[in-house]
Every structure is written in structure tokens, then in C-alpha cells.
Amino acid sequence: RKRVFENGLSNITVCDVSDRGVGDGPMETERSDEDNVFHFVYSHDVLHDMANPMSLIHDVKKRLSDDGCWIIVDVECSHSMAENIQMPQGALNFGFSCLLCLACASSEENGECLR
């Protein structure tokens, strides 16, 4: 947020869900729902860490403009453990997945724990 502000980028909103949710829209003003939409949403390495990823999916769909774009980027991995172990970063990814991602995704009762 600091860099966005320092560079005067008024067309970028960084959503910190501890302050306000994506479902609240990008503007903190009392504008109509049709005006309070995102035209571009970028999420990187987020969905699989969430206890309830469907809530983010719902909120983005609710606030994405009709011609908007949502880019979802996640870590490179395979569905096969054998293939993942062969990747140079395989051990690191596995460690993060077990100790951080799974812990976050299961941190709430009924957490979905996407893997």
C-alpha cells in the first residue's frame, strides 16, 4: 500500500482483509454497487492457504465488473508426489505446504484445507 500511495497510483486498491474485505469493493465511499467494482483482481499464492476459499471466490465474483479480469496464480506443482519431489524446489514447497499452508487452511473449524 505504501508504494502505491508514494507513487500516486490512484487506480490501484490493495485489499488487506484485516481492514476491509474484497466484498466491500475497492472504494470506501458511499457509491452505488455498480460503481464500486474491481476491473482487475490479482491473487498470488492465496487460495490454497485459506480456510474458506469459496468466500473469496464469491466476493471477487460479486465485485468484479462485467468485463473485469481475475488472475489467480499459484505455486508450480503436480498432483503427483513423485513428480513434486523431483523439482528443485520440491522439498521447500513440501515444507511450506505442511507447516504453513495446511496450518492456515485448517485454522478454523470446518476449514476446507485445499491441497
PDB file of N, CA and C in Angstrom:
ATOM      1  N   ARG A   1       0.817  -1.190   0.000  1.00  0.00           N
ATOM      2  CA  ARG A   1       0.000   0.000   0.000  1.00  0.00           C
ATOM      3  C   ARG A   1       0.859   1.250   0.000  1.00  0.00           C
ATOM      4  N   LYS A   2       1.909   1.194   0.768  1.00  0.00           N
ATOM      5  CA  LYS A   2       2.790   2.364   0.876  1.00  0.00           C
ATOM      6  C   LYS A   2       3.344   2.761  -0.487  1.00  0.00           C
ATOM      7  N   ARG A   3       3.827   1.771  -1.257  1.00  0.00           N
ATOM      8  CA  ARG A   3       4.387   2.077  -2.577  1.00  0.00           C
ATOM      9  C   ARG A   3       3.317   2.593  -3.530  1.00  0.00           C
ATOM     10  N   VAL A   4       2.118   2.050  -3.441  1.00  0.00           N
ATOM     11  CA  VAL A   4       1.024   2.530  -4.292  1.00  0.00           C
ATOM     12  C   VAL A   4       0.761   4.006  -3.988  1.00  0.00           C
ATOM     13  N   PHE A   5       0.693   4.357  -2.704  1.00  0.00           N
ATOM     14  CA  PHE A   5       0.457   5.739  -2.282  1.00  0.00           C
ATOM     15  C   PHE A   5       1.614   6.645  -2.687  1.00  0.00           C
ATOM     16  N   GLU A   6       2.846   6.216  -2.419  1.00  0.00           N
ATOM     17  CA  GLU A   6       4.026   7.039  -2.728  1.00  0.00           C
ATOM     18  C   GLU A   6       4.156   7.323  -4.218  1.00  0.00           C
ATOM     19  N   ASN A   7       3.690   6.396  -5.039  1.00  0.00           N
ATOM     20  CA  ASN A   7       3.773   6.583  -6.490  1.00  0.00           C
ATOM     21  C   ASN A   7       2.530   7.220  -7.090  1.00  0.00           C
ATOM     22  N   GLY A   8       1.584   7.598  -6.245  1.00  0.00           N
ATOM     23  CA  GLY A   8       0.389   8.288  -6.721  1.00  0.00           C
ATOM     24  C   GLY A   8      -0.495   7.444  -7.622  1.00  0.00           C
ATOM     25  N   LEU A   9      -0.556   6.163  -7.376  1.00  0.00           N
ATOM     26  CA  LEU A   9      -1.345   5.263  -8.228  1.00  0.00           C
ATOM     27  C   LEU A   9      -2.769   5.189  -7.699  1.00  0.00           C
ATOM     28  N   SER A  10      -3.572   6.137  -8.095  1.00  0.00           N
ATOM     29  CA  SER A  10      -4.939   6.240  -7.571  1.00  0.00           C
ATOM     30  C   SER A  10      -5.883   5.195  -8.147  1.00  0.00           C
ATOM     31  N   ASN A  11      -5.467   4.490  -9.191  1.00  0.00           N
ATOM     32  CA  ASN A  11      -6.333   3.474  -9.796  1.00  0.00           C
ATOM     33  C   ASN A  11      -6.039   2.071  -9.283  1.00  0.00           C
ATOM     34  N   ILE A  12      -5.246   1.960  -8.210  1.00  0.00           N
ATOM     35  CA  ILE A  12      -4.921   0.665  -7.616  1.00  0.00           C
ATOM     36  C   ILE A  12      -5.408   0.633  -6.182  1.00  0.00           C
ATOM     37  N   THR A  13      -6.092  -0.448  -5.818  1.00  0.00           N
ATOM     38  CA  THR A  13      -6.526  -0.665  -4.442  1.00  0.00           C
ATOM     39  C   THR A  13      -5.900  -1.956  -3.941  1.00  0.00           C
ATOM     40  N   VAL A  14      -5.190  -1.871  -2.835  1.00  0.00           N
ATOM     41  CA  VAL A  14      -4.626  -3.055  -2.207  1.00  0.00           C
ATOM     42  C   VAL A  14      -5.566  -3.433  -1.073  1.00  0.00           C
ATOM     43  N   CYS A  15      -6.128  -4.612  -1.150  1.00  0.00           N
ATOM     44  CA  CYS A  15      -7.086  -5.041  -0.132  1.00  0.00           C
ATOM     45  C   CYS A  15      -6.384  -5.857   0.938  1.00  0.00           C
ATOM     46  N   ASP A  16      -6.404  -5.348   2.135  1.00  0.00           N
ATOM     47  CA  ASP A  16      -5.946  -6.082   3.306  1.00  0.00           C
ATOM     48  C   ASP A  16      -7.218  -6.473   4.035  1.00  0.00           C
ATOM     49  N   VAL A  17      -7.553  -7.759   4.004  1.00  0.00           N
ATOM     50  CA  VAL A  17      -8.842  -8.184   4.543  1.00  0.00           C
ATOM     51  C   VAL A  17      -8.967  -7.978   6.046  1.00  0.00           C
ATOM     52  N   SER A  18      -7.858  -7.633   6.720  1.00  0.00           N
ATOM     53  CA  SER A  18      -7.983  -7.283   8.137  1.00  0.00           C
ATOM     54  C   SER A  18      -8.585  -5.886   8.285  1.00  0.00           C
ATOM     55  N   ASP A  19      -8.528  -5.082   7.217  1.00  0.00           N
ATOM     56  CA  ASP A  19      -9.118  -3.734   7.224  1.00  0.00           C
ATOM     57  C   ASP A  19     -10.509  -3.708   6.592  1.00  0.00           C
ATOM     58  N   ARG A  20     -10.606  -4.298   5.403  1.00  0.00           N
ATOM     59  CA  ARG A  20     -11.879  -4.349   4.683  1.00  0.00           C
ATOM     60  C   ARG A  20     -11.828  -5.511   3.703  1.00  0.00           C
ATOM     61  N   GLY A  21     -12.927  -6.151   3.533  1.00  0.00           N
ATOM     62  CA  GLY A  21     -12.985  -7.320   2.673  1.00  0.00           C
ATOM     63  C   GLY A  21     -13.094  -6.967   1.205  1.00  0.00           C
ATOM     64  N   VAL A  22     -12.719  -7.900   0.357  1.00  0.00           N
ATOM     65  CA  VAL A  22     -12.848  -7.730  -1.085  1.00  0.00           C
ATOM     66  C   VAL A  22     -14.314  -7.495  -1.445  1.00  0.00           C
ATOM     67  N   GLY A  23     -15.217  -8.141  -0.724  1.00  0.00           N
ATOM     68  CA  GLY A  23     -16.646  -7.985  -0.976  1.00  0.00           C
ATOM     69  C   GLY A  23     -17.174  -6.590  -0.703  1.00  0.00           C
ATOM     70  N   ASP A  24     -16.387  -5.768   0.013  1.00  0.00           N
ATOM     71  CA  ASP A  24     -16.782  -4.378   0.255  1.00  0.00           C
ATOM     72  C   ASP A  24     -16.510  -3.500  -0.949  1.00  0.00           C
ATOM     73  N   GLY A  25     -15.753  -4.010  -1.897  1.00  0.00           N
ATOM     74  CA  GLY A  25     -15.421  -3.240  -3.076  1.00  0.00           C
ATOM     75  C   GLY A  25     -14.193  -2.378  -2.853  1.00  0.00           C
ATOM     76  N   PRO A  26     -13.698  -1.781  -3.939  1.00  0.00           N
ATOM     77  CA  PRO A  26     -12.454  -1.014  -3.849  1.00  0.00           C
ATOM     78  C   PRO A  26     -12.596   0.359  -3.204  1.00  0.00           C
ATOM     79  N   MET A  27     -13.800   0.910  -3.163  1.00  0.00           N
ATOM     80  CA  MET A  27     -13.978   2.272  -2.671  1.00  0.00           C
ATOM     81  C   MET A  27     -14.536   2.302  -1.263  1.00  0.00           C
ATOM     82  N   GLU A  28     -14.037   3.244  -0.493  1.00  0.00           N
ATOM     83  CA  GLU A  28     -14.525   3.417   0.869  1.00  0.00           C
ATOM     84  C   GLU A  28     -15.609   4.488   0.940  1.00  0.00           C
ATOM     85  N   THR A  29     -16.122   4.903  -0.203  1.00  0.00           N
ATOM     86  CA  THR A  29     -17.154   5.931  -0.257  1.00  0.00           C
ATOM     87  C   THR A  29     -18.529   5.289  -0.389  1.00  0.00           C
ATOM     88  N   GLU A  30     -19.542   6.083  -0.235  1.00  0.00           N
ATOM     89  CA  GLU A  30     -20.928   5.605  -0.357  1.00  0.00           C
ATOM     90  C   GLU A  30     -21.380   5.722  -1.807  1.00  0.00           C
ATOM     91  N   ARG A  31     -20.796   4.942  -2.683  1.00  0.00           N
ATOM     92  CA  ARG A  31     -21.197   4.936  -4.081  1.00  0.00           C
ATOM     93  C   ARG A  31     -22.073   3.721  -4.336  1.00  0.00           C
ATOM     94  N   SER A  32     -22.757   3.750  -5.436  1.00  0.00           N
ATOM     95  CA  SER A  32     -23.631   2.628  -5.764  1.00  0.00           C
ATOM     96  C   SER A  32     -22.810   1.372  -6.044  1.00  0.00           C
ATOM     97  N   ASP A  33     -23.434   0.219  -5.893  1.00  0.00           N
ATOM     98  CA  ASP A  33     -22.753  -1.047  -6.135  1.00  0.00           C
ATOM     99  C   ASP A  33     -22.222  -1.153  -7.557  1.00  0.00           C
ATOM    100  N   GLU A  34     -22.922  -0.552  -8.526  1.00  0.00           N
ATOM    101  CA  GLU A  34     -22.465  -0.628  -9.917  1.00  0.00           C
ATOM    102  C   GLU A  34     -21.135   0.093 -10.104  1.00  0.00           C
ATOM    103  N   ASP A  35     -20.876   1.135  -9.303  1.00  0.00           N
ATOM    104  CA  ASP A  35     -19.631   1.894  -9.411  1.00  0.00           C
ATOM    105  C   ASP A  35     -18.514   1.307  -8.547  1.00  0.00           C
ATOM    106  N   ASN A  36     -18.863   0.559  -7.539  1.00  0.00           N
ATOM    107  CA  ASN A  36     -17.891   0.054  -6.572  1.00  0.00           C
ATOM    108  C   ASN A  36     -17.447  -1.359  -6.957  1.00  0.00           C
ATOM    109  N   VAL A  37     -16.749  -1.453  -8.098  1.00  0.00           N
ATOM    110  CA  VAL A  37     -16.328  -2.740  -8.630  1.00  0.00           C
ATOM    111  C   VAL A  37     -14.831  -2.726  -8.936  1.00  0.00           C
ATOM    112  N   PHE A  38     -14.279  -3.922  -9.021  1.00  0.00           N
ATOM    113  CA  PHE A  38     -12.897  -4.088  -9.465  1.00  0.00           C
ATOM    114  C   PHE A  38     -12.912  -4.385 -10.953  1.00  0.00           C
ATOM    115  N   HIS A  39     -11.942  -3.837 -11.676  1.00  0.00           N
ATOM    116  CA  HIS A  39     -11.797  -4.153 -13.095  1.00  0.00           C
ATOM    117  C   HIS A  39     -10.707  -5.190 -13.309  1.00  0.00           C
ATOM    118  N   PHE A  40      -9.833  -5.315 -12.314  1.00  0.00           N
ATOM    119  CA  PHE A  40      -8.742  -6.282 -12.387  1.00  0.00           C
ATOM    120  C   PHE A  40      -8.424  -6.744 -10.967  1.00  0.00           C
ATOM    121  N   VAL A  41      -8.373  -8.056 -10.771  1.00  0.00           N
ATOM    122  CA  VAL A  41      -8.018  -8.628  -9.477  1.00  0.00           C
ATOM    123  C   VAL A  41      -6.869  -9.604  -9.714  1.00  0.00           C
ATOM    124  N   TYR A  42      -5.851  -9.496  -8.883  1.00  0.00           N
ATOM    125  CA  TYR A  42      -4.690 -10.374  -8.971  1.00  0.00           C
ATOM    126  C   TYR A  42      -4.474 -11.006  -7.605  1.00  0.00           C
ATOM    127  N   SER A  43      -4.458 -12.317  -7.556  1.00  0.00           N
ATOM    128  CA  SER A  43      -4.163 -13.006  -6.295  1.00  0.00           C
ATOM    129  C   SER A  43      -3.048 -14.008  -6.546  1.00  0.00           C
ATOM    130  N   HIS A  44      -2.048 -13.968  -5.693  1.00  0.00           N
ATOM    131  CA  HIS A  44      -0.858 -14.804  -5.878  1.00  0.00           C
ATOM    132  C   HIS A  44      -0.641 -15.658  -4.639  1.00  0.00           C
ATOM    133  N   ASP A  45      -0.682 -16.973  -4.800  1.00  0.00           N
ATOM    134  CA  ASP A  45      -0.383 -17.907  -3.719  1.00  0.00           C
ATOM    135  C   ASP A  45      -1.307 -17.680  -2.522  1.00  0.00           C
ATOM    136  N   VAL A  46      -2.619 -17.593  -2.789  1.00  0.00           N
ATOM    137  CA  VAL A  46      -3.580 -17.247  -1.745  1.00  0.00           C
ATOM    138  C   VAL A  46      -4.616 -18.340  -1.499  1.00  0.00           C
ATOM    139  N   LEU A  47      -5.300 -18.768  -2.537  1.00  0.00           N
ATOM    140  CA  LEU A  47      -6.491 -19.608  -2.366  1.00  0.00           C
ATOM    141  C   LEU A  47      -6.246 -20.888  -1.575  1.00  0.00           C
ATOM    142  N   HIS A  48      -5.141 -21.557  -1.822  1.00  0.00           N
ATOM    143  CA  HIS A  48      -4.910 -22.836  -1.145  1.00  0.00           C
ATOM    144  C   HIS A  48      -4.583 -22.663   0.342  1.00  0.00           C
ATOM    145  N   ASP A  49      -4.252 -21.452   0.769  1.00  0.00           N
ATOM    146  CA  ASP A  49      -3.955 -21.190   2.187  1.00  0.00           C
ATOM    147  C   ASP A  49      -5.201 -20.846   2.999  1.00  0.00           C
ATOM    148  N   MET A  50      -6.295 -20.594   2.341  1.00  0.00           N
ATOM    149  CA  MET A  50      -7.483 -20.082   3.022  1.00  0.00           C
ATOM    150  C   MET A  50      -8.326 -21.203   3.622  1.00  0.00           C
ATOM    151  N   ALA A  51      -8.851 -20.946   4.815  1.00  0.00           N
ATOM    152  CA  ALA A  51      -9.766 -21.907   5.437  1.00  0.00           C
ATOM    153  C   ALA A  51     -11.074 -21.970   4.659  1.00  0.00           C
ATOM    154  N   ASN A  52     -11.467 -20.860   4.055  1.00  0.00           N
ATOM    155  CA  ASN A  52     -12.710 -20.810   3.295  1.00  0.00           C
ATOM    156  C   ASN A  52     -12.476 -20.063   1.978  1.00  0.00           C
ATOM    157  N   PRO A  53     -11.821 -20.701   1.007  1.00  0.00           N
ATOM    158  CA  PRO A  53     -11.538 -20.021  -0.259  1.00  0.00           C
ATOM    159  C   PRO A  53     -12.790 -19.638  -1.031  1.00  0.00           C
ATOM    160  N   MET A  54     -13.887 -20.349  -0.803  1.00  0.00           N
ATOM    161  CA  MET A  54     -15.130 -20.011  -1.516  1.00  0.00           C
ATOM    162  C   MET A  54     -15.619 -18.611  -1.155  1.00  0.00           C
ATOM    163  N   SER A  55     -15.297 -18.130   0.044  1.00  0.00           N
ATOM    164  CA  SER A  55     -15.725 -16.778   0.412  1.00  0.00           C
ATOM    165  C   SER A  55     -15.012 -15.739  -0.449  1.00  0.00           C
ATOM    166  N   LEU A  56     -13.716 -15.932  -0.722  1.00  0.00           N
ATOM    167  CA  LEU A  56     -13.003 -15.006  -1.600  1.00  0.00           C
ATOM    168  C   LEU A  56     -13.530 -15.109  -3.018  1.00  0.00           C
ATOM    169  N   ILE A  57     -13.744 -16.328  -3.491  1.00  0.00           N
ATOM    170  CA  ILE A  57     -14.280 -16.515  -4.847  1.00  0.00           C
ATOM    171  C   ILE A  57     -15.623 -15.809  -4.976  1.00  0.00           C
ATOM    172  N   HIS A  58     -16.494 -15.962  -3.998  1.00  0.00           N
ATOM    173  CA  HIS A  58     -17.795 -15.298  -4.007  1.00  0.00           C
ATOM    174  C   HIS A  58     -17.630 -13.778  -4.014  1.00  0.00           C
ATOM    175  N   ASP A  59     -16.751 -13.249  -3.153  1.00  0.00           N
ATOM    176  CA  ASP A  59     -16.575 -11.799  -3.056  1.00  0.00           C
ATOM    177  C   ASP A  59     -16.007 -11.204  -4.335  1.00  0.00           C
ATOM    178  N   VAL A  60     -15.050 -11.892  -4.951  1.00  0.00           N
ATOM    179  CA  VAL A  60     -14.487 -11.382  -6.203  1.00  0.00           C
ATOM    180  C   VAL A  60     -15.555 -11.400  -7.294  1.00  0.00           C
ATOM    181  N   LYS A  61     -16.297 -12.491  -7.396  1.00  0.00           N
ATOM    182  CA  LYS A  61     -17.360 -12.555  -8.406  1.00  0.00           C
ATOM    183  C   LYS A  61     -18.395 -11.453  -8.192  1.00  0.00           C
ATOM    184  N   LYS A  62     -18.678 -11.157  -6.929  1.00  0.00           N
ATOM    185  CA  LYS A  62     -19.663 -10.119  -6.594  1.00  0.00           C
ATOM    186  C   LYS A  62     -19.191  -8.732  -7.016  1.00  0.00           C
ATOM    187  N   ARG A  63     -17.889  -8.467  -6.884  1.00  0.00           N
ATOM    188  CA  ARG A  63     -17.355  -7.123  -7.120  1.00  0.00           C
ATOM    189  C   ARG A  63     -16.551  -6.971  -8.392  1.00  0.00           C
ATOM    190  N   LEU A  64     -16.469  -8.002  -9.225  1.00  0.00           N
ATOM    191  CA  LEU A  64     -15.739  -7.906 -10.480  1.00  0.00           C
ATOM    192  C   LEU A  64     -16.659  -7.337 -11.548  1.00  0.00           C
ATOM    193  N   SER A  65     -16.183  -6.310 -12.249  1.00  0.00           N
ATOM    194  CA  SER A  65     -17.011  -5.702 -13.289  1.00  0.00           C
ATOM    195  C   SER A  65     -17.318  -6.732 -14.378  1.00  0.00           C
ATOM    196  N   ASP A  66     -18.343  -6.452 -15.162  1.00  0.00           N
ATOM    197  CA  ASP A  66     -18.760  -7.391 -16.208  1.00  0.00           C
ATOM    198  C   ASP A  66     -17.631  -7.725 -17.176  1.00  0.00           C
ATOM    199  N   ASP A  67     -16.768  -6.753 -17.465  1.00  0.00           N
ATOM    200  CA  ASP A  67     -15.644  -7.004 -18.362  1.00  0.00           C
ATOM    201  C   ASP A  67     -14.326  -7.101 -17.588  1.00  0.00           C
ATOM    202  N   GLY A  68     -14.422  -7.388 -16.288  1.00  0.00           N
ATOM    203  CA  GLY A  68     -13.237  -7.474 -15.442  1.00  0.00           C
ATOM    204  C   GLY A  68     -12.469  -8.774 -15.625  1.00  0.00           C
ATOM    205  N   CYS A  69     -11.286  -8.803 -15.053  1.00  0.00           N
ATOM    206  CA  CYS A  69     -10.396  -9.953 -15.186  1.00  0.00           C
ATOM    207  C   CYS A  69      -9.832 -10.304 -13.814  1.00  0.00           C
ATOM    208  N   TRP A  70      -9.855 -11.599 -13.472  1.00  0.00           N
ATOM    209  CA  TRP A  70      -9.253 -12.077 -12.230  1.00  0.00           C
ATOM    210  C   TRP A  70      -8.168 -13.069 -12.600  1.00  0.00           C
ATOM    211  N   ILE A  71      -6.927 -12.747 -12.246  1.00  0.00           N
ATOM    212  CA  ILE A  71      -5.804 -13.641 -12.483  1.00  0.00           C
ATOM    213  C   ILE A  71      -5.451 -14.313 -11.166  1.00  0.00           C
ATOM    214  N   ILE A  72      -5.466 -15.630 -11.172  1.00  0.00           N
ATOM    215  CA  ILE A  72      -5.136 -16.427  -9.996  1.00  0.00           C
ATOM    216  C   ILE A  72      -3.826 -17.153 -10.286  1.00  0.00           C
ATOM    217  N   VAL A  73      -2.807 -16.866  -9.486  1.00  0.00           N
ATOM    218  CA  VAL A  73      -1.505 -17.504  -9.656  1.00  0.00           C
ATOM    219  C   VAL A  73      -1.241 -18.351  -8.422  1.00  0.00           C
ATOM    220  N   ASP A  74      -0.758 -19.550  -8.631  1.00  0.00           N
ATOM    221  CA  ASP A  74      -0.439 -20.426  -7.514  1.00  0.00           C
ATOM    222  C   ASP A  74       0.929 -21.042  -7.750  1.00  0.00           C
ATOM    223  N   VAL A  75       1.422 -21.746  -6.781  1.00  0.00           N
ATOM    224  CA  VAL A  75       2.742 -22.351  -6.887  1.00  0.00           C
ATOM    225  C   VAL A  75       2.736 -23.446  -7.950  1.00  0.00           C
ATOM    226  N   GLU A  76       3.900 -23.656  -8.545  1.00  0.00           N
ATOM    227  CA  GLU A  76       4.030 -24.713  -9.547  1.00  0.00           C
ATOM    228  C   GLU A  76       4.200 -26.045  -8.843  1.00  0.00           C
ATOM    229  N   CYS A  77       3.281 -26.936  -9.085  1.00  0.00           N
ATOM    230  CA  CYS A  77       3.395 -28.277  -8.525  1.00  0.00           C
ATOM    231  C   CYS A  77       2.542 -29.231  -9.348  1.00  0.00           C
ATOM    232  N   SER A  78       2.707 -30.480  -9.053  1.00  0.00           N
ATOM    233  CA  SER A  78       1.992 -31.536  -9.748  1.00  0.00           C
ATOM    234  C   SER A  78       1.050 -32.221  -8.772  1.00  0.00           C
ATOM    235  N   HIS A  79       0.124 -32.985  -9.285  1.00  0.00           N
ATOM    236  CA  HIS A  79      -0.736 -33.809  -8.424  1.00  0.00           C
ATOM    237  C   HIS A  79       0.015 -35.063  -7.964  1.00  0.00           C
ATOM    238  N   SER A  80       1.170 -35.286  -8.549  1.00  0.00           N
ATOM    239  CA  SER A  80       1.956 -36.474  -8.239  1.00  0.00           C
ATOM    240  C   SER A  80       3.085 -36.127  -7.263  1.00  0.00           C
ATOM    241  N   MET A  81       3.113 -36.789  -6.122  1.00  0.00           N
ATOM    242  CA  MET A  81       4.182 -36.576  -5.145  1.00  0.00           C
ATOM    243  C   MET A  81       5.543 -36.921  -5.755  1.00  0.00           C
ATOM    244  N   ALA A  82       5.612 -37.979  -6.558  1.00  0.00           N
ATOM    245  CA  ALA A  82       6.870 -38.384  -7.189  1.00  0.00           C
ATOM    246  C   ALA A  82       7.420 -37.267  -8.086  1.00  0.00           C
ATOM    247  N   GLU A  83       6.539 -36.614  -8.852  1.00  0.00           N
ATOM    248  CA  GLU A  83       6.976 -35.506  -9.706  1.00  0.00           C
ATOM    249  C   GLU A  83       7.388 -34.304  -8.872  1.00  0.00           C
ATOM    250  N   ASN A  84       6.657 -34.013  -7.813  1.00  0.00           N
ATOM    251  CA  ASN A  84       6.988 -32.865  -6.965  1.00  0.00           C
ATOM    252  C   ASN A  84       8.349 -33.018  -6.302  1.00  0.00           C
ATOM    253  N   ILE A  85       8.686 -34.227  -5.878  1.00  0.00           N
ATOM    254  CA  ILE A  85       9.974 -34.476  -5.227  1.00  0.00           C
ATOM    255  C   ILE A  85      11.128 -34.235  -6.197  1.00  0.00           C
ATOM    256  N   GLN A  86      10.897 -34.459  -7.488  1.00  0.00           N
ATOM    257  CA  GLN A  86      11.948 -34.276  -8.488  1.00  0.00           C
ATOM    258  C   GLN A  86      12.218 -32.798  -8.803  1.00  0.00           C
ATOM    259  N   MET A  87      11.313 -31.905  -8.438  1.00  0.00           N
ATOM    260  CA  MET A  87      11.508 -30.476  -8.706  1.00  0.00           C
ATOM    261  C   MET A  87      12.596 -29.924  -7.775  1.00  0.00           C
ATOM    262  N   PRO A  88      13.422 -28.999  -8.273  1.00  0.00           N
ATOM    263  CA  PRO A  88      14.473 -28.429  -7.428  1.00  0.00           C
ATOM    264  C   PRO A  88      13.939 -27.796  -6.131  1.00  0.00           C
ATOM    265  N   GLN A  89      12.797 -27.184  -6.207  1.00  0.00           N
ATOM    266  CA  GLN A  89      12.202 -26.534  -5.033  1.00  0.00           C
ATOM    267  C   GLN A  89      11.217 -27.444  -4.314  1.00  0.00           C
ATOM    268  N   GLY A  90      11.181 -28.722  -4.673  1.00  0.00           N
ATOM    269  CA  GLY A  90      10.199 -29.663  -4.134  1.00  0.00           C
ATOM    270  C   GLY A  90      10.204 -29.778  -2.624  1.00  0.00           C
ATOM    271  N   ALA A  91      11.378 -29.922  -2.023  1.00  0.00           N
ATOM    272  CA  ALA A  91      11.459 -30.062  -0.563  1.00  0.00           C
ATOM    273  C   ALA A  91      10.985 -28.790   0.128  1.00  0.00           C
ATOM    274  N   LEU A  92      11.366 -27.643  -0.417  1.00  0.00           N
ATOM    275  CA  LEU A  92      10.938 -26.364   0.155  1.00  0.00           C
ATOM    276  C   LEU A  92       9.420 -26.211   0.061  1.00  0.00           C
ATOM    277  N   ASN A  93       8.862 -26.504  -1.109  1.00  0.00           N
ATOM    278  CA  ASN A  93       7.403 -26.410  -1.281  1.00  0.00           C
ATOM    279  C   ASN A  93       6.672 -27.351  -0.328  1.00  0.00           C
ATOM    280  N   PHE A  94       7.175 -28.566  -0.195  1.00  0.00           N
ATOM    281  CA  PHE A  94       6.535 -29.543   0.687  1.00  0.00           C
ATOM    282  C   PHE A  94       6.568 -29.056   2.133  1.00  0.00           C
ATOM    283  N   GLY A  95       7.705 -28.507   2.558  1.00  0.00           N
ATOM    284  CA  GLY A  95       7.816 -27.970   3.919  1.00  0.00           C
ATOM    285  C   GLY A  95       6.844 -26.840   4.168  1.00  0.00           C
ATOM    286  N   PHE A  96       6.798 -25.882   3.236  1.00  0.00           N
ATOM    287  CA  PHE A  96       5.847 -24.772   3.379  1.00  0.00           C
ATOM    288  C   PHE A  96       4.411 -25.277   3.403  1.00  0.00           C
ATOM    289  N   SER A  97       4.122 -26.228   2.512  1.00  0.00           N
ATOM    290  CA  SER A  97       2.767 -26.745   2.425  1.00  0.00           C
ATOM    291  C   SER A  97       2.314 -27.377   3.730  1.00  0.00           C
ATOM    292  N   CYS A  98       3.177 -28.197   4.302  1.00  0.00           N
ATOM    293  CA  CYS A  98       2.809 -28.897   5.545  1.00  0.00           C
ATOM    294  C   CYS A  98       2.782 -27.977   6.759  1.00  0.00           C
ATOM    295  N   LEU A  99       3.762 -27.074   6.848  1.00  0.00           N
ATOM    296  CA  LEU A  99       3.909 -26.278   8.063  1.00  0.00           C
ATOM    297  C   LEU A  99       3.183 -24.935   8.025  1.00  0.00           C
ATOM    298  N   LEU A 100       2.907 -24.423   6.850  1.00  0.00           N
ATOM    299  CA  LEU A 100       2.256 -23.118   6.768  1.00  0.00           C
ATOM    300  C   LEU A 100       0.882 -23.205   6.098  1.00  0.00           C
ATOM    301  N   CYS A 101       0.853 -23.675   4.879  1.00  0.00           N
ATOM    302  CA  CYS A 101      -0.405 -23.684   4.112  1.00  0.00           C
ATOM    303  C   CYS A 101      -1.479 -24.520   4.796  1.00  0.00           C
ATOM    304  N   LEU A 102      -1.137 -25.739   5.150  1.00  0.00           N
ATOM    305  CA  LEU A 102      -2.111 -26.629   5.784  1.00  0.00           C
ATOM    306  C   LEU A 102      -2.550 -26.082   7.136  1.00  0.00           C
ATOM    307  N   ALA A 103      -1.594 -25.502   7.880  1.00  0.00           N
ATOM    308  CA  ALA A 103      -1.939 -24.912   9.181  1.00  0.00           C
ATOM    309  C   ALA A 103      -2.922 -23.761   9.024  1.00  0.00           C
ATOM    310  N   CYS A 104      -2.708 -22.908   8.028  1.00  0.00           N
ATOM    311  CA  CYS A 104      -3.630 -21.787   7.782  1.00  0.00           C
ATOM    312  C   CYS A 104      -4.996 -22.287   7.339  1.00  0.00           C
ATOM    313  N   ALA A 105      -5.003 -23.211   6.401  1.00  0.00           N
ATOM    314  CA  ALA A 105      -6.254 -23.701   5.836  1.00  0.00           C
ATOM    315  C   ALA A 105      -7.088 -24.487   6.844  1.00  0.00           C
ATOM    316  N   SER A 106      -6.447 -25.016   7.867  1.00  0.00           N
ATOM    317  CA  SER A 106      -7.192 -25.772   8.870  1.00  0.00           C
ATOM    318  C   SER A 106      -7.329 -25.004  10.184  1.00  0.00           C
ATOM    319  N   SER A 107      -7.057 -23.705  10.142  1.00  0.00           N
ATOM    320  CA  SER A 107      -7.049 -22.904  11.366  1.00  0.00           C
ATOM    321  C   SER A 107      -8.448 -22.586  11.894  1.00  0.00           C
ATOM    322  N   GLU A 108      -9.459 -22.797  11.097  1.00  0.00           N
ATOM    323  CA  GLU A 108     -10.833 -22.535  11.512  1.00  0.00           C
ATOM    324  C   GLU A 108     -11.619 -23.837  11.497  1.00  0.00           C
ATOM    325  N   GLU A 109     -12.603 -23.905  12.359  1.00  0.00           N
ATOM    326  CA  GLU A 109     -13.469 -25.071  12.352  1.00  0.00           C
ATOM    327  C   GLU A 109     -14.108 -25.169  10.966  1.00  0.00           C
ATOM    328  N   ASN A 110     -14.154 -26.337  10.418  1.00  0.00           N
ATOM    329  CA  ASN A 110     -14.688 -26.594   9.084  1.00  0.00           C
ATOM    330  C   ASN A 110     -13.829 -26.018   7.965  1.00  0.00           C
ATOM    331  N   GLY A 111     -12.535 -25.751   8.264  1.00  0.00           N
ATOM    332  CA  GLY A 111     -11.629 -25.282   7.229  1.00  0.00           C
ATOM    333  C   GLY A 111     -11.545 -26.289   6.093  1.00  0.00           C
ATOM    334  N   GLU A 112     -11.492 -25.808   4.869  1.00  0.00           N
ATOM    335  CA  GLU A 112     -11.558 -26.710   3.710  1.00  0.00           C
ATOM    336  C   GLU A 112     -10.240 -27.390   3.389  1.00  0.00           C
ATOM    337  N   CYS A 113      -9.130 -26.836   3.833  1.00  0.00           N
ATOM    338  CA  CYS A 113      -7.804 -27.459   3.672  1.00  0.00           C
ATOM    339  C   CYS A 113      -7.527 -27.894   2.238  1.00  0.00           C
ATOM    340  N   LEU A 114      -7.560 -26.974   1.296  1.00  0.00           N
ATOM    341  CA  LEU A 114      -7.242 -27.315  -0.098  1.00  0.00           C
ATOM    342  C   LEU A 114      -5.789 -27.712  -0.192  1.00  0.00           C
ATOM    343  N   ARG A 115      -5.511 -28.723  -0.959  1.00  0.00           N
ATOM    344  CA  ARG A 115      -4.146 -29.201  -1.137  1.00  0.00           C
ATOM    345  C   ARG A 115      -3.817 -29.264  -2.598  1.00  0.00           C
TER     346      ARG A 115
END
